[in-house]
PDB file of N, CA and C in Angstrom:
ATOM      1  N   MET A   1      14.339 -14.899   7.341  1.00  0.00           N
ATOM      2  CA  MET A   1      13.423 -14.764   8.437  1.00  0.00           C
ATOM      3  C   MET A   1      12.634 -16.054   8.563  1.00  0.00           C
ATOM      4  N   GLY A   2      12.046 -16.256   9.723  1.00  0.00           N
ATOM      5  CA  GLY A   2      11.188 -17.415   9.907  1.00  0.00           C
ATOM      6  C   GLY A   2       9.865 -17.233   9.196  1.00  0.00           C
ATOM      7  N   ASP A   3       9.171 -18.353   8.985  1.00  0.00           N
ATOM      8  CA  ASP A   3       7.889 -18.272   8.296  1.00  0.00           C
ATOM      9  C   ASP A   3       6.853 -17.505   9.110  1.00  0.00           C
ATOM     10  N   GLY A   4       6.912 -17.586  10.433  1.00  0.00           N
ATOM     11  CA  GLY A   4       5.977 -16.826  11.260  1.00  0.00           C
ATOM     12  C   GLY A   4       6.148 -15.327  11.086  1.00  0.00           C
ATOM     13  N   SER A   5       7.386 -14.860  11.122  1.00  0.00           N
ATOM     14  CA  SER A   5       7.608 -13.419  10.949  1.00  0.00           C
ATOM     15  C   SER A   5       7.307 -12.984   9.521  1.00  0.00           C
ATOM     16  N   PHE A   6       7.577 -13.864   8.549  1.00  0.00           N
ATOM     17  CA  PHE A   6       7.227 -13.520   7.172  1.00  0.00           C
ATOM     18  C   PHE A   6       5.721 -13.315   7.028  1.00  0.00           C
ATOM     19  N   LEU A   7       4.942 -14.207   7.632  1.00  0.00           N
ATOM     20  CA  LEU A   7       3.485 -14.072   7.538  1.00  0.00           C
ATOM     21  C   LEU A   7       3.002 -12.765   8.158  1.00  0.00           C
ATOM     22  N   MET A   8       3.720 -12.261   9.140  1.00  0.00           N
ATOM     23  CA  MET A   8       3.325 -11.002   9.782  1.00  0.00           C
ATOM     24  C   MET A   8       3.690  -9.777   8.951  1.00  0.00           C
ATOM     25  N   ASN A   9       4.620  -9.927   7.993  1.00  0.00           N
ATOM     26  CA  ASN A   9       5.142  -8.769   7.267  1.00  0.00           C
ATOM     27  C   ASN A   9       5.222  -8.940   5.757  1.00  0.00           C
ATOM     28  N   SER A  10       4.659  -9.990   5.214  1.00  0.00           N
ATOM     29  CA  SER A  10       4.844 -10.285   3.787  1.00  0.00           C
ATOM     30  C   SER A  10       4.275  -9.217   2.866  1.00  0.00           C
ATOM     31  N   GLN A  11       3.318  -8.448   3.326  1.00  0.00           N
ATOM     32  CA  GLN A  11       2.707  -7.417   2.479  1.00  0.00           C
ATOM     33  C   GLN A  11       3.724  -6.370   2.034  1.00  0.00           C
ATOM     34  N   GLU A  12       4.835  -6.243   2.735  1.00  0.00           N
ATOM     35  CA  GLU A  12       5.837  -5.248   2.363  1.00  0.00           C
ATOM     36  C   GLU A  12       6.517  -5.567   1.038  1.00  0.00           C
ATOM     37  N   LEU A  13       6.458  -6.825   0.613  1.00  0.00           N
ATOM     38  CA  LEU A  13       7.061  -7.168  -0.671  1.00  0.00           C
ATOM     39  C   LEU A  13       6.251  -6.619  -1.839  1.00  0.00           C
ATOM     40  N   GLU A  14       4.974  -6.388  -1.631  1.00  0.00           N
ATOM     41  CA  GLU A  14       4.181  -5.709  -2.667  1.00  0.00           C
ATOM     42  C   GLU A  14       4.746  -4.306  -2.876  1.00  0.00           C
ATOM     43  N   THR A  15       5.077  -3.646  -1.789  1.00  0.00           N
ATOM     44  CA  THR A  15       5.672  -2.309  -1.875  1.00  0.00           C
ATOM     45  C   THR A  15       6.999  -2.358  -2.634  1.00  0.00           C
ATOM     46  N   ALA A  16       7.821  -3.351  -2.310  1.00  0.00           N
ATOM     47  CA  ALA A  16       9.113  -3.489  -2.988  1.00  0.00           C
ATOM     48  C   ALA A  16       8.929  -3.695  -4.485  1.00  0.00           C
ATOM     49  N   MET A  17       7.965  -4.515  -4.881  1.00  0.00           N
ATOM     50  CA  MET A  17       7.701  -4.727  -6.315  1.00  0.00           C
ATOM     51  C   MET A  17       7.217  -3.439  -6.970  1.00  0.00           C
ATOM     52  N   ARG A  18       6.258  -2.795  -6.332  1.00  0.00           N
ATOM     53  CA  ARG A  18       5.669  -1.576  -6.910  1.00  0.00           C
ATOM     54  C   ARG A  18       6.715  -0.484  -7.066  1.00  0.00           C
ATOM     55  N   GLU A  19       7.601  -0.362  -6.095  1.00  0.00           N
ATOM     56  CA  GLU A  19       8.628   0.682  -6.116  1.00  0.00           C
ATOM     57  C   GLU A  19       9.922   0.228  -6.795  1.00  0.00           C
ATOM     58  N   LYS A  20       9.912  -1.003  -7.335  1.00  0.00           N
ATOM     59  CA  LYS A  20      11.068  -1.562  -8.045  1.00  0.00           C
ATOM     60  C   LYS A  20      12.325  -1.576  -7.176  1.00  0.00           C
ATOM     61  N   ILE A  21      12.177  -2.074  -5.950  1.00  0.00           N
ATOM     62  CA  ILE A  21      13.277  -2.198  -5.001  1.00  0.00           C
ATOM     63  C   ILE A  21      13.711  -3.664  -4.979  1.00  0.00           C
ATOM     64  N   PRO A  22      14.906  -3.959  -5.477  1.00  0.00           N
ATOM     65  CA  PRO A  22      15.380  -5.351  -5.446  1.00  0.00           C
ATOM     66  C   PRO A  22      15.492  -5.829  -3.996  1.00  0.00           C
ATOM     67  N   PHE A  23      14.986  -7.029  -3.757  1.00  0.00           N
ATOM     68  CA  PHE A  23      14.942  -7.513  -2.388  1.00  0.00           C
ATOM     69  C   PHE A  23      14.922  -9.029  -2.413  1.00  0.00           C
ATOM     70  N   VAL A  24      15.741  -9.675  -1.586  1.00  0.00           N
ATOM     71  CA  VAL A  24      15.754 -11.130  -1.482  1.00  0.00           C
ATOM     72  C   VAL A  24      15.270 -11.518  -0.092  1.00  0.00           C
ATOM     73  N   VAL A  25      14.288 -12.400  -0.040  1.00  0.00           N
ATOM     74  CA  VAL A  25      13.780 -12.922   1.226  1.00  0.00           C
ATOM     75  C   VAL A  25      14.051 -14.409   1.268  1.00  0.00           C
ATOM     76  N   LEU A  26      14.748 -14.841   2.306  1.00  0.00           N
ATOM     77  CA  LEU A  26      14.978 -16.259   2.551  1.00  0.00           C
ATOM     78  C   LEU A  26      14.136 -16.631   3.763  1.00  0.00           C
ATOM     79  N   ILE A  27      13.150 -17.496   3.546  1.00  0.00           N
ATOM     80  CA  ILE A  27      12.252 -17.904   4.627  1.00  0.00           C
ATOM     81  C   ILE A  27      12.691 -19.269   5.156  1.00  0.00           C
ATOM     82  N   TRP A  28      12.948 -19.338   6.461  1.00  0.00           N
ATOM     83  CA  TRP A  28      13.200 -20.605   7.138  1.00  0.00           C
ATOM     84  C   TRP A  28      11.822 -21.158   7.518  1.00  0.00           C
ATOM     85  N   THR A  29      11.380 -22.211   6.849  1.00  0.00           N
ATOM     86  CA  THR A  29      10.023 -22.722   7.008  1.00  0.00           C
ATOM     87  C   THR A  29       9.985 -23.966   7.887  1.00  0.00           C
ATOM     88  N   ASP A  30       9.245 -23.871   8.985  1.00  0.00           N
ATOM     89  CA  ASP A  30       9.030 -25.038   9.847  1.00  0.00           C
ATOM     90  C   ASP A  30       7.593 -25.131  10.370  1.00  0.00           C
ATOM     91  N   GLU A  31       6.724 -24.245   9.892  1.00  0.00           N
ATOM     92  CA  GLU A  31       5.319 -24.202  10.285  1.00  0.00           C
ATOM     93  C   GLU A  31       5.123 -24.109  11.792  1.00  0.00           C
ATOM     94  N   SER A  32       6.021 -23.370  12.417  1.00  0.00           N
ATOM     95  CA  SER A  32       5.863 -23.082  13.839  1.00  0.00           C
ATOM     96  C   SER A  32       6.758 -21.893  14.167  1.00  0.00           C
ATOM     97  N   TYR A  33       6.530 -21.352  15.319  1.00  0.00           N
ATOM     98  CA  TYR A  33       7.453 -20.333  15.808  1.00  0.00           C
ATOM     99  C   TYR A  33       8.639 -21.107  16.371  1.00  0.00           C
ATOM    100  N   GLY A  34       9.540 -21.522  15.470  1.00  0.00           N
ATOM    101  CA  GLY A  34      10.608 -22.468  15.783  1.00  0.00           C
ATOM    102  C   GLY A  34      11.502 -22.060  16.929  1.00  0.00           C
ATOM    103  N   LEU A  35      11.950 -20.825  16.942  1.00  0.00           N
ATOM    104  CA  LEU A  35      12.839 -20.404  18.019  1.00  0.00           C
ATOM    105  C   LEU A  35      12.091 -20.296  19.344  1.00  0.00           C
ATOM    106  N   ILE A  36      10.830 -19.900  19.285  1.00  0.00           N
ATOM    107  CA  ILE A  36      10.023 -19.850  20.507  1.00  0.00           C
ATOM    108  C   ILE A  36       9.792 -21.278  21.016  1.00  0.00           C
ATOM    109  N   LYS A  37       9.523 -22.195  20.095  1.00  0.00           N
ATOM    110  CA  LYS A  37       9.362 -23.607  20.461  1.00  0.00           C
ATOM    111  C   LYS A  37      10.610 -24.122  21.164  1.00  0.00           C
ATOM    112  N   TRP A  38      11.758 -23.845  20.583  1.00  0.00           N
ATOM    113  CA  TRP A  38      13.035 -24.285  21.144  1.00  0.00           C
ATOM    114  C   TRP A  38      13.204 -23.737  22.551  1.00  0.00           C
ATOM    115  N   LYS A  39      12.956 -22.446  22.739  1.00  0.00           N
ATOM    116  CA  LYS A  39      13.096 -21.832  24.067  1.00  0.00           C
ATOM    117  C   LYS A  39      12.092 -22.428  25.058  1.00  0.00           C
ATOM    118  N   GLN A  40      10.849 -22.652  24.638  1.00  0.00           N
ATOM    119  CA  GLN A  40       9.858 -23.240  25.532  1.00  0.00           C
ATOM    120  C   GLN A  40      10.293 -24.641  25.970  1.00  0.00           C
ATOM    121  N   GLU A  41      10.779 -25.436  25.025  1.00  0.00           N
ATOM    122  CA  GLU A  41      11.227 -26.784  25.368  1.00  0.00           C
ATOM    123  C   GLU A  41      12.395 -26.743  26.354  1.00  0.00           C
ATOM    124  N   LEU A  42      13.318 -25.821  26.148  1.00  0.00           N
ATOM    125  CA  LEU A  42      14.468 -25.705  27.047  1.00  0.00           C
ATOM    126  C   LEU A  42      14.079 -25.207  28.436  1.00  0.00           C
ATOM    127  N   GLU A  43      13.191 -24.230  28.479  1.00  0.00           N
ATOM    128  CA  GLU A  43      12.900 -23.569  29.751  1.00  0.00           C
ATOM    129  C   GLU A  43      11.761 -24.192  30.545  1.00  0.00           C
ATOM    130  N   ILE A  44      10.713 -24.702  29.854  1.00  0.00           N
ATOM    131  CA  ILE A  44       9.584 -25.251  30.607  1.00  0.00           C
ATOM    132  C   ILE A  44       9.268 -26.700  30.236  1.00  0.00           C
ATOM    133  N   GLY A  45      10.030 -27.262  29.294  1.00  0.00           N
ATOM    134  CA  GLY A  45       9.886 -28.667  28.955  1.00  0.00           C
ATOM    135  C   GLY A  45       8.665 -29.023  28.123  1.00  0.00           C
ATOM    136  N   ARG A  46       7.972 -28.034  27.596  1.00  0.00           N
ATOM    137  CA  ARG A  46       6.806 -28.278  26.748  1.00  0.00           C
ATOM    138  C   ARG A  46       6.596 -27.053  25.861  1.00  0.00           C
ATOM    139  N   THR A  47       5.669 -27.194  24.927  1.00  0.00           N
ATOM    140  CA  THR A  47       5.363 -26.065  24.055  1.00  0.00           C
ATOM    141  C   THR A  47       3.888 -25.709  24.150  1.00  0.00           C
ATOM    142  N   ALA A  48       3.579 -24.491  23.760  1.00  0.00           N
ATOM    143  CA  ALA A  48       2.190 -24.030  23.741  1.00  0.00           C
ATOM    144  C   ALA A  48       1.996 -23.008  22.635  1.00  0.00           C
ATOM    145  N   TYR A  49       1.003 -23.251  21.786  1.00  0.00           N
ATOM    146  CA  TYR A  49       0.536 -22.280  20.798  1.00  0.00           C
ATOM    147  C   TYR A  49       1.625 -21.789  19.841  1.00  0.00           C
ATOM    148  N   ILE A  50       2.399 -22.720  19.311  1.00  0.00           N
ATOM    149  CA  ILE A  50       3.500 -22.313  18.428  1.00  0.00           C
ATOM    150  C   ILE A  50       3.372 -22.851  17.007  1.00  0.00           C
ATOM    151  N   SER A  51       2.380 -23.696  16.733  1.00  0.00           N
ATOM    152  CA  SER A  51       2.250 -24.304  15.395  1.00  0.00           C
ATOM    153  C   SER A  51       1.195 -23.598  14.563  1.00  0.00           C
ATOM    154  N   PHE A  52       1.411 -23.559  13.256  1.00  0.00           N
ATOM    155  CA  PHE A  52       0.460 -22.973  12.322  1.00  0.00           C
ATOM    156  C   PHE A  52       0.695 -23.598  10.958  1.00  0.00           C
ATOM    157  N   THR A  53      -0.168 -23.296  10.007  1.00  0.00           N
ATOM    158  CA  THR A  53       0.031 -23.770   8.634  1.00  0.00           C
ATOM    159  C   THR A  53       0.385 -22.576   7.754  1.00  0.00           C
ATOM    160  N   ASN A  54       1.063 -22.866   6.676  1.00  0.00           N
ATOM    161  CA  ASN A  54       1.508 -21.823   5.751  1.00  0.00           C
ATOM    162  C   ASN A  54       0.778 -21.924   4.420  1.00  0.00           C
ATOM    163  N   PRO A  55       0.678 -20.782   3.734  1.00  0.00           N
ATOM    164  CA  PRO A  55       0.259 -20.850   2.338  1.00  0.00           C
ATOM    165  C   PRO A  55       1.419 -21.387   1.507  1.00  0.00           C
ATOM    166  N   ASP A  56       1.189 -21.621   0.252  1.00  0.00           N
ATOM    167  CA  ASP A  56       2.262 -21.961  -0.678  1.00  0.00           C
ATOM    168  C   ASP A  56       3.004 -20.654  -0.955  1.00  0.00           C
ATOM    169  N   PHE A  57       4.202 -20.509  -0.389  1.00  0.00           N
ATOM    170  CA  PHE A  57       4.929 -19.245  -0.511  1.00  0.00           C
ATOM    171  C   PHE A  57       5.326 -18.926  -1.944  1.00  0.00           C
ATOM    172  N   VAL A  58       5.627 -19.941  -2.750  1.00  0.00           N
ATOM    173  CA  VAL A  58       5.973 -19.697  -4.156  1.00  0.00           C
ATOM    174  C   VAL A  58       4.767 -19.123  -4.892  1.00  0.00           C
ATOM    175  N   LYS A  59       3.589 -19.694  -4.669  1.00  0.00           N
ATOM    176  CA  LYS A  59       2.374 -19.161  -5.296  1.00  0.00           C
ATOM    177  C   LYS A  59       2.054 -17.765  -4.777  1.00  0.00           C
ATOM    178  N   GLN A  60       2.292 -17.539  -3.495  1.00  0.00           N
ATOM    179  CA  GLN A  60       2.067 -16.207  -2.933  1.00  0.00           C
ATOM    180  C   GLN A  60       2.969 -15.191  -3.625  1.00  0.00           C
ATOM    181  N   ALA A  61       4.241 -15.557  -3.804  1.00  0.00           N
ATOM    182  CA  ALA A  61       5.182 -14.670  -4.495  1.00  0.00           C
ATOM    183  C   ALA A  61       4.678 -14.363  -5.900  1.00  0.00           C
ATOM    184  N   GLU A  62       4.299 -15.396  -6.613  1.00  0.00           N
ATOM    185  CA  GLU A  62       3.831 -15.218  -7.984  1.00  0.00           C
ATOM    186  C   GLU A  62       2.571 -14.358  -8.041  1.00  0.00           C
ATOM    187  N   SER A  63       1.711 -14.458  -7.033  1.00  0.00           N
ATOM    188  CA  SER A  63       0.485 -13.654  -7.042  1.00  0.00           C
ATOM    189  C   SER A  63       0.788 -12.168  -6.895  1.00  0.00           C
ATOM    190  N   TYR A  64       1.922 -11.835  -6.285  1.00  0.00           N
ATOM    191  CA  TYR A  64       2.354 -10.441  -6.168  1.00  0.00           C
ATOM    192  C   TYR A  64       3.215 -10.007  -7.352  1.00  0.00           C
ATOM    193  N   GLY A  65       3.576 -10.960  -8.226  1.00  0.00           N
ATOM    194  CA  GLY A  65       4.355 -10.626  -9.408  1.00  0.00           C
ATOM    195  C   GLY A  65       5.849 -10.789  -9.255  1.00  0.00           C
ATOM    196  N   TYR A  66       6.295 -11.377  -8.172  1.00  0.00           N
ATOM    197  CA  TYR A  66       7.728 -11.645  -8.037  1.00  0.00           C
ATOM    198  C   TYR A  66       7.971 -13.140  -8.036  1.00  0.00           C
ATOM    199  N   ARG A  67       9.226 -13.515  -8.099  1.00  0.00           N
ATOM    200  CA  ARG A  67       9.595 -14.916  -8.251  1.00  0.00           C
ATOM    201  C   ARG A  67       9.732 -15.594  -6.900  1.00  0.00           C
ATOM    202  N   GLY A  68       9.243 -16.819  -6.826  1.00  0.00           N
ATOM    203  CA  GLY A  68       9.420 -17.649  -5.643  1.00  0.00           C
ATOM    204  C   GLY A  68      10.188 -18.901  -6.002  1.00  0.00           C
ATOM    205  N   VAL A  69      11.061 -19.339  -5.101  1.00  0.00           N
ATOM    206  CA  VAL A  69      11.878 -20.530  -5.309  1.00  0.00           C
ATOM    207  C   VAL A  69      11.662 -21.458  -4.115  1.00  0.00           C
ATOM    208  N   GLN A  70      11.395 -22.728  -4.391  1.00  0.00           N
ATOM    209  CA  GLN A  70      11.218 -23.721  -3.337  1.00  0.00           C
ATOM    210  C   GLN A  70      12.482 -24.555  -3.209  1.00  0.00           C
ATOM    211  N   ILE A  71      13.078 -24.583  -2.037  1.00  0.00           N
ATOM    212  CA  ILE A  71      14.258 -25.405  -1.773  1.00  0.00           C
ATOM    213  C   ILE A  71      13.780 -26.798  -1.367  1.00  0.00           C
ATOM    214  N   SER A  72      14.370 -27.827  -1.974  1.00  0.00           N
ATOM    215  CA  SER A  72      13.975 -29.186  -1.625  1.00  0.00           C
ATOM    216  C   SER A  72      15.156 -30.084  -1.271  1.00  0.00           C
ATOM    217  N   THR A  73      16.399 -29.599  -1.498  1.00  0.00           N
ATOM    218  CA  THR A  73      17.574 -30.379  -1.112  1.00  0.00           C
ATOM    219  C   THR A  73      18.581 -29.464  -0.425  1.00  0.00           C
ATOM    220  N   ALA A  74      19.470 -30.067   0.332  1.00  0.00           N
ATOM    221  CA  ALA A  74      20.482 -29.305   1.069  1.00  0.00           C
ATOM    222  C   ALA A  74      21.488 -28.605   0.156  1.00  0.00           C
ATOM    223  N   HIS A  75      21.545 -28.982  -1.106  1.00  0.00           N
ATOM    224  CA  HIS A  75      22.507 -28.392  -2.041  1.00  0.00           C
ATOM    225  C   HIS A  75      21.966 -27.149  -2.750  1.00  0.00           C
ATOM    226  N   GLN A  76      20.697 -26.850  -2.589  1.00  0.00           N
ATOM    227  CA  GLN A  76      20.075 -25.763  -3.341  1.00  0.00           C
ATOM    228  C   GLN A  76      20.175 -24.365  -2.729  1.00  0.00           C
ATOM    229  N   PRO A  77      20.272 -24.193  -1.411  1.00  0.00           N
ATOM    230  CA  PRO A  77      20.213 -22.821  -0.882  1.00  0.00           C
ATOM    231  C   PRO A  77      21.290 -21.873  -1.409  1.00  0.00           C
ATOM    232  N   LEU A  78      22.540 -22.292  -1.434  1.00  0.00           N
ATOM    233  CA  LEU A  78      23.600 -21.381  -1.874  1.00  0.00           C
ATOM    234  C   LEU A  78      23.424 -20.958  -3.333  1.00  0.00           C
ATOM    235  N   PRO A  79      23.225 -21.892  -4.279  1.00  0.00           N
ATOM    236  CA  PRO A  79      23.000 -21.442  -5.660  1.00  0.00           C
ATOM    237  C   PRO A  79      21.761 -20.557  -5.795  1.00  0.00           C
ATOM    238  N   ALA A  80      20.705 -20.883  -5.062  1.00  0.00           N
ATOM    239  CA  ALA A  80      19.490 -20.060  -5.130  1.00  0.00           C
ATOM    240  C   ALA A  80      19.762 -18.647  -4.629  1.00  0.00           C
ATOM    241  N   LEU A  81      20.499 -18.521  -3.543  1.00  0.00           N
ATOM    242  CA  LEU A  81      20.854 -17.194  -3.022  1.00  0.00           C
ATOM    243  C   LEU A  81      21.750 -16.438  -3.992  1.00  0.00           C
ATOM    244  N   GLN A  82      22.742 -17.112  -4.540  1.00  0.00           N
ATOM    245  CA  GLN A  82      23.644 -16.455  -5.485  1.00  0.00           C
ATOM    246  C   GLN A  82      22.881 -15.926  -6.699  1.00  0.00           C
ATOM    247  N   GLU A  83      21.980 -16.743  -7.228  1.00  0.00           N
ATOM    248  CA  GLU A  83      21.189 -16.311  -8.375  1.00  0.00           C
ATOM    249  C   GLU A  83      20.275 -15.150  -7.992  1.00  0.00           C
ATOM    250  N   ALA A  84      19.623 -15.255  -6.845  1.00  0.00           N
ATOM    251  CA  ALA A  84      18.695 -14.208  -6.405  1.00  0.00           C
ATOM    252  C   ALA A  84      19.408 -12.880  -6.211  1.00  0.00           C
ATOM    253  N   LEU A  85      20.580 -12.908  -5.614  1.00  0.00           N
ATOM    254  CA  LEU A  85      21.327 -11.670  -5.359  1.00  0.00           C
ATOM    255  C   LEU A  85      21.832 -11.032  -6.649  1.00  0.00           C
ATOM    256  N   ALA A  86      21.989 -11.831  -7.694  1.00  0.00           N
ATOM    257  CA  ALA A  86      22.459 -11.302  -8.977  1.00  0.00           C
ATOM    258  C   ALA A  86      21.338 -10.654  -9.788  1.00  0.00           C
ATOM    259  N   LEU A  87      20.092 -10.924  -9.421  1.00  0.00           N
ATOM    260  CA  LEU A  87      18.949 -10.372 -10.161  1.00  0.00           C
ATOM    261  C   LEU A  87      18.530  -9.037  -9.569  1.00  0.00           C
ATOM    262  N   ASP A  88      17.888  -8.241 -10.371  1.00  0.00           N
ATOM    263  CA  ASP A  88      17.485  -6.888  -9.960  1.00  0.00           C
ATOM    264  C   ASP A  88      15.973  -6.829  -9.730  1.00  0.00           C
ATOM    265  N   THR A  89      15.508  -7.703  -8.825  1.00  0.00           N
ATOM    266  CA  THR A  89      14.066  -7.768  -8.570  1.00  0.00           C
ATOM    267  C   THR A  89      13.827  -8.360  -7.182  1.00  0.00           C
ATOM    268  N   VAL A  90      12.582  -8.578  -6.868  1.00  0.00           N
ATOM    269  CA  VAL A  90      12.211  -9.225  -5.610  1.00  0.00           C
ATOM    270  C   VAL A  90      12.205 -10.735  -5.834  1.00  0.00           C
ATOM    271  N   ILE A  91      12.839 -11.461  -4.937  1.00  0.00           N
ATOM    272  CA  ILE A  91      12.897 -12.922  -4.981  1.00  0.00           C
ATOM    273  C   ILE A  91      12.598 -13.449  -3.584  1.00  0.00           C
ATOM    274  N   LEU A  92      11.802 -14.501  -3.524  1.00  0.00           N
ATOM    275  CA  LEU A  92      11.512 -15.182  -2.267  1.00  0.00           C
ATOM    276  C   LEU A  92      12.058 -16.600  -2.370  1.00  0.00           C
ATOM    277  N   ILE A  93      12.785 -17.031  -1.353  1.00  0.00           N
ATOM    278  CA  ILE A  93      13.310 -18.395  -1.305  1.00  0.00           C
ATOM    279  C   ILE A  93      12.711 -19.073  -0.082  1.00  0.00           C
ATOM    280  N   ASP A  94      11.975 -20.142  -0.310  1.00  0.00           N
ATOM    281  CA  ASP A  94      11.314 -20.899   0.752  1.00  0.00           C
ATOM    282  C   ASP A  94      12.168 -22.121   1.072  1.00  0.00           C
ATOM    283  N   CYS A  95      12.763 -22.123   2.270  1.00  0.00           N
ATOM    284  CA  CYS A  95      13.715 -23.168   2.649  1.00  0.00           C
ATOM    285  C   CYS A  95      13.257 -23.877   3.929  1.00  0.00           C
ATOM    286  N   PRO A  96      12.877 -25.152   3.838  1.00  0.00           N
ATOM    287  CA  PRO A  96      12.468 -25.874   5.041  1.00  0.00           C
ATOM    288  C   PRO A  96      13.651 -26.078   5.988  1.00  0.00           C
ATOM    289  N   VAL A  97      13.360 -25.992   7.292  1.00  0.00           N
ATOM    290  CA  VAL A  97      14.395 -26.206   8.312  1.00  0.00           C
ATOM    291  C   VAL A  97      13.852 -27.121   9.403  1.00  0.00           C
ATOM    292  N   ASP A  98      14.775 -27.709  10.139  1.00  0.00           N
ATOM    293  CA  ASP A  98      14.428 -28.562  11.274  1.00  0.00           C
ATOM    294  C   ASP A  98      15.139 -28.008  12.503  1.00  0.00           C
ATOM    295  N   TYR A  99      14.391 -27.276  13.319  1.00  0.00           N
ATOM    296  CA  TYR A  99      14.987 -26.644  14.495  1.00  0.00           C
ATOM    297  C   TYR A  99      15.338 -27.647  15.594  1.00  0.00           C
ATOM    298  N   SER A 100      14.965 -28.903  15.443  1.00  0.00           N
ATOM    299  CA  SER A 100      15.344 -29.878  16.465  1.00  0.00           C
ATOM    300  C   SER A 100      16.860 -30.014  16.547  1.00  0.00           C
ATOM    301  N   GLU A 101      17.557 -29.648  15.489  1.00  0.00           N
ATOM    302  CA  GLU A 101      19.018 -29.657  15.531  1.00  0.00           C
ATOM    303  C   GLU A 101      19.541 -28.681  16.584  1.00  0.00           C
ATOM    304  N   ASN A 102      18.822 -27.579  16.817  1.00  0.00           N
ATOM    305  CA  ASN A 102      19.241 -26.622  17.845  1.00  0.00           C
ATOM    306  C   ASN A 102      19.298 -27.277  19.221  1.00  0.00           C
ATOM    307  N   THR A 103      18.291 -28.086  19.530  1.00  0.00           N
ATOM    308  CA  THR A 103      18.248 -28.758  20.824  1.00  0.00           C
ATOM    309  C   THR A 103      19.400 -29.740  20.949  1.00  0.00           C
ATOM    310  N   ARG A 104      19.670 -30.496  19.900  1.00  0.00           N
ATOM    311  CA  ARG A 104      20.787 -31.444  19.937  1.00  0.00           C
ATOM    312  C   ARG A 104      22.118 -30.703  20.126  1.00  0.00           C
ATOM    313  N   LEU A 105      22.290 -29.594  19.431  1.00  0.00           N
ATOM    314  CA  LEU A 105      23.511 -28.812  19.558  1.00  0.00           C
ATOM    315  C   LEU A 105      23.639 -28.239  20.960  1.00  0.00           C
ATOM    316  N   THR A 106      22.562 -27.701  21.498  1.00  0.00           N
ATOM    317  CA  THR A 106      22.590 -27.141  22.851  1.00  0.00           C
ATOM    318  C   THR A 106      22.942 -28.219  23.866  1.00  0.00           C
ATOM    319  N   ASP A 107      22.349 -29.397  23.728  1.00  0.00           N
ATOM    320  CA  ASP A 107      22.674 -30.503  24.638  1.00  0.00           C
ATOM    321  C   ASP A 107      24.148 -30.858  24.552  1.00  0.00           C
ATOM    322  N   ARG A 108      24.671 -30.939  23.355  1.00  0.00           N
ATOM    323  CA  ARG A 108      26.091 -31.297  23.153  1.00  0.00           C
ATOM    324  C   ARG A 108      27.004 -30.219  23.729  1.00  0.00           C
ATOM    325  N   LEU A 109      26.698 -28.965  23.485  1.00  0.00           N
ATOM    326  CA  LEU A 109      27.515 -27.876  24.040  1.00  0.00           C
ATOM    327  C   LEU A 109      27.452 -27.881  25.562  1.00  0.00           C
ATOM    328  N   GLY A 110      26.283 -28.194  26.121  1.00  0.00           N
ATOM    329  CA  GLY A 110      26.149 -28.278  27.583  1.00  0.00           C
ATOM    330  C   GLY A 110      27.036 -29.369  28.146  1.00  0.00           C
ATOM    331  N   GLN A 111      27.110 -30.503  27.451  1.00  0.00           N
ATOM    332  CA  GLN A 111      27.979 -31.603  27.888  1.00  0.00           C
ATOM    333  C   GLN A 111      29.449 -31.180  27.841  1.00  0.00           C
ATOM    334  N   LEU A 112      29.827 -30.440  26.821  1.00  0.00           N
ATOM    335  CA  LEU A 112      31.212 -29.993  26.683  1.00  0.00           C
ATOM    336  C   LEU A 112      31.599 -29.037  27.803  1.00  0.00           C
ATOM    337  N   THR A 113      30.715 -28.072  28.108  1.00  0.00           N
ATOM    338  CA  THR A 113      31.042 -27.103  29.149  1.00  0.00           C
ATOM    339  C   THR A 113      30.968 -27.722  30.537  1.00  0.00           C
ATOM    340  N   ALA A 114      30.112 -28.717  30.742  1.00  0.00           N
ATOM    341  CA  ALA A 114      30.030 -29.394  32.048  1.00  0.00           C
ATOM    342  C   ALA A 114      31.301 -30.161  32.345  1.00  0.00           C
ATOM    343  N   ALA A 115      31.975 -30.618  31.289  1.00  0.00           N
ATOM    344  CA  ALA A 115      33.207 -31.374  31.461  1.00  0.00           C
ATOM    345  C   ALA A 115      34.375 -30.491  31.875  1.00  0.00           C
ATOM    346  N   LEU A 116      34.245 -29.185  31.709  1.00  0.00           N
ATOM    347  CA  LEU A 116      35.346 -28.275  32.068  1.00  0.00           C
ATOM    348  C   LEU A 116      35.363 -28.092  33.511  1.00  0.00           C
TER     349      LEU A 116
END
């Protein structure tokens, strides 16, 4: 899930810990409502009210008693997910993303379809 939606619902992981429900959360972190930003840029050419700051998600996880993992390289997400899925507990994986790639991809796909 995105970091914005996680901030709106993160309290549910306390429930998962208390009830011993294994759960893996992968957060796509960009400190904005990334998909909304992308849509605003595409549709109206500007953005409004989409940026925010995040807490330290790893520390937040630890404060609830579950494990947090910070991704810092492109090679870490798959091993982190594999390890998290093998464990019988709540795990949070904080993975930074750059949604500007979506705009580049959309532009490229538009060029391809325009050529048809």
